[in-house]
Amino acid sequence: MGIDEYSPTEVLQDEKFISMVIWNCLKNNEPEGVIEAIQAHLEAVNKVQLAKDAQISRSTLYNSLRGKNPTIKTLAKLIHSSRFC
């Protein structure tokens, strides 16, 4: 019996996985889950580079990650830019 290697960071960077989680949260009317999934994904990428790529301030990024209820525009910028990190 062997031990499988598992990397939560890799799973959280997997766009298909995060997309499936977000879709399921939306289907189940769980908006908090959508934010949590996006936040978990963004935590797994380089945040300084992400803020630069998204052309938003680091404080906006960190406030978004701390549950300050980010706008759809901010989330869209972050998600778009995280693809290139």
C-alpha atoms as a PDB file:
ATOM      1  CA  MET A   1       0.000   0.000   0.000  1.00  0.00           C
ATOM      2  CA  GLY A   2       1.610   3.255  -1.129  1.00  0.00           C
ATOM      3  CA  ILE A   3       0.957   6.850  -0.288  1.00  0.00           C
ATOM      4  CA  ASP A   4      -0.221   9.077  -3.090  1.00  0.00           C
ATOM      5  CA  GLU A   5       1.323  12.512  -3.342  1.00  0.00           C
ATOM      6  CA  TYR A   6      -1.260  15.275  -3.107  1.00  0.00           C
ATOM      7  CA  SER A   7      -0.789  18.976  -3.715  1.00  0.00           C
ATOM      8  CA  PRO A   8      -3.706  21.200  -2.718  1.00  0.00           C
ATOM      9  CA  THR A   9      -1.992  24.102  -4.479  1.00  0.00           C
ATOM     10  CA  GLU A  10      -2.091  22.238  -7.795  1.00  0.00           C
ATOM     11  CA  VAL A  11      -5.775  21.412  -7.316  1.00  0.00           C
ATOM     12  CA  LEU A  12      -6.587  25.037  -6.473  1.00  0.00           C
ATOM     13  CA  GLN A  13      -4.770  26.225  -9.603  1.00  0.00           C
ATOM     14  CA  ASP A  14      -6.761  23.810 -11.795  1.00  0.00           C
ATOM     15  CA  GLU A  15      -9.229  26.007 -13.701  1.00  0.00           C
ATOM     16  CA  LYS A  16     -11.529  23.101 -14.567  1.00  0.00           C
ATOM     17  CA  PHE A  17     -11.815  22.105 -10.907  1.00  0.00           C
ATOM     18  CA  ILE A  18     -12.449  25.677  -9.727  1.00  0.00           C
ATOM     19  CA  SER A  19     -14.958  26.213 -12.549  1.00  0.00           C
ATOM     20  CA  MET A  20     -16.861  23.092 -11.494  1.00  0.00           C
ATOM     21  CA  VAL A  21     -16.896  24.241  -7.860  1.00  0.00           C
ATOM     22  CA  ILE A  22     -18.156  27.714  -8.831  1.00  0.00           C
ATOM     23  CA  TRP A  23     -20.844  26.274 -11.105  1.00  0.00           C
ATOM     24  CA  ASN A  24     -22.068  23.934  -8.355  1.00  0.00           C
ATOM     25  CA  CYS A  25     -22.178  26.786  -5.855  1.00  0.00           C
ATOM     26  CA  LEU A  26     -24.237  28.887  -8.262  1.00  0.00           C
ATOM     27  CA  LYS A  27     -26.617  25.986  -8.941  1.00  0.00           C
ATOM     28  CA  ASN A  28     -27.082  25.526  -5.187  1.00  0.00           C
ATOM     29  CA  ASN A  29     -27.594  29.272  -4.554  1.00  0.00           C
ATOM     30  CA  GLU A  30     -24.419  29.528  -2.468  1.00  0.00           C
ATOM     31  CA  PRO A  31     -22.858  32.884  -3.413  1.00  0.00           C
ATOM     32  CA  GLU A  32     -20.469  32.689  -0.448  1.00  0.00           C
ATOM     33  CA  GLY A  33     -19.099  29.440  -1.882  1.00  0.00           C
ATOM     34  CA  VAL A  34     -18.389  31.161  -5.195  1.00  0.00           C
ATOM     35  CA  ILE A  35     -16.356  33.831  -3.433  1.00  0.00           C
ATOM     36  CA  GLU A  36     -14.546  31.217  -1.323  1.00  0.00           C
ATOM     37  CA  ALA A  37     -13.638  29.159  -4.413  1.00  0.00           C
ATOM     38  CA  ILE A  38     -12.297  32.211  -6.233  1.00  0.00           C
ATOM     39  CA  GLN A  39     -10.405  33.324  -3.142  1.00  0.00           C
ATOM     40  CA  ALA A  40      -8.865  29.855  -2.723  1.00  0.00           C
ATOM     41  CA  HIS A  41      -7.798  29.870  -6.380  1.00  0.00           C
ATOM     42  CA  LEU A  42      -6.270  33.327  -6.075  1.00  0.00           C
ATOM     43  CA  GLU A  43      -4.435  32.356  -2.885  1.00  0.00           C
ATOM     44  CA  ALA A  44      -2.683  29.627  -4.886  1.00  0.00           C
ATOM     45  CA  VAL A  45      -1.179  32.052  -7.422  1.00  0.00           C
ATOM     46  CA  ASN A  46       1.487  34.761  -7.100  1.00  0.00           C
ATOM     47  CA  LYS A  47      -0.513  37.657  -5.646  1.00  0.00           C
ATOM     48  CA  VAL A  48       1.958  40.464  -6.334  1.00  0.00           C
ATOM     49  CA  GLN A  49       2.223  39.511 -10.005  1.00  0.00           C
ATOM     50  CA  LEU A  50      -1.530  38.967 -10.170  1.00  0.00           C
ATOM     51  CA  ALA A  51      -2.223  42.504  -8.894  1.00  0.00           C
ATOM     52  CA  LYS A  52       0.166  43.924 -11.508  1.00  0.00           C
ATOM     53  CA  ASP A  53      -1.335  41.860 -14.324  1.00  0.00           C
ATOM     54  CA  ALA A  54      -4.895  42.782 -13.298  1.00  0.00           C
ATOM     55  CA  GLN A  55      -3.884  46.438 -13.008  1.00  0.00           C
ATOM     56  CA  ILE A  56      -5.388  46.734  -9.551  1.00  0.00           C
ATOM     57  CA  SER A  57      -3.774  47.817  -6.335  1.00  0.00           C
ATOM     58  CA  ARG A  58      -2.443  45.213  -3.930  1.00  0.00           C
ATOM     59  CA  SER A  59      -4.811  46.563  -1.286  1.00  0.00           C
ATOM     60  CA  THR A  60      -7.795  45.889  -3.568  1.00  0.00           C
ATOM     61  CA  LEU A  61      -6.509  42.367  -4.139  1.00  0.00           C
ATOM     62  CA  TYR A  62      -5.947  41.699  -0.446  1.00  0.00           C
ATOM     63  CA  ASN A  63      -9.322  43.198   0.501  1.00  0.00           C
ATOM     64  CA  SER A  64     -10.951  40.936  -2.078  1.00  0.00           C
ATOM     65  CA  LEU A  65      -9.222  37.928  -0.557  1.00  0.00           C
ATOM     66  CA  ARG A  66     -10.266  38.893   2.961  1.00  0.00           C
ATOM     67  CA  GLY A  67     -13.948  38.698   2.179  1.00  0.00           C
ATOM     68  CA  LYS A  68     -14.578  42.391   1.596  1.00  0.00           C
ATOM     69  CA  ASN A  69     -17.225  41.463  -0.987  1.00  0.00           C
ATOM     70  CA  PRO A  70     -15.357  42.208  -4.240  1.00  0.00           C
ATOM     71  CA  THR A  71     -17.252  43.542  -7.226  1.00  0.00           C
ATOM     72  CA  ILE A  72     -17.856  41.405 -10.293  1.00  0.00           C
ATOM     73  CA  LYS A  73     -15.513  43.738 -12.209  1.00  0.00           C
ATOM     74  CA  THR A  74     -12.689  43.130  -9.720  1.00  0.00           C
ATOM     75  CA  LEU A  75     -13.304  39.370  -9.764  1.00  0.00           C
ATOM     76  CA  ALA A  76     -13.314  39.334 -13.567  1.00  0.00           C
ATOM     77  CA  LYS A  77      -9.981  41.186 -13.690  1.00  0.00           C
ATOM     78  CA  LEU A  78      -8.463  38.823 -11.142  1.00  0.00           C
ATOM     79  CA  ILE A  79      -9.710  35.670 -12.836  1.00  0.00           C
ATOM     80  CA  HIS A  80      -8.608  36.905 -16.264  1.00  0.00           C
ATOM     81  CA  SER A  81      -5.144  37.810 -14.992  1.00  0.00           C
ATOM     82  CA  SER A  82      -4.672  34.631 -12.942  1.00  0.00           C
ATOM     83  CA  ARG A  83      -4.644  32.639 -16.182  1.00  0.00           C
ATOM     84  CA  PHE A  84      -1.335  34.277 -17.065  1.00  0.00           C
ATOM     85  CA  CYS A  85       0.482  33.846 -13.735  1.00  0.00           C
END
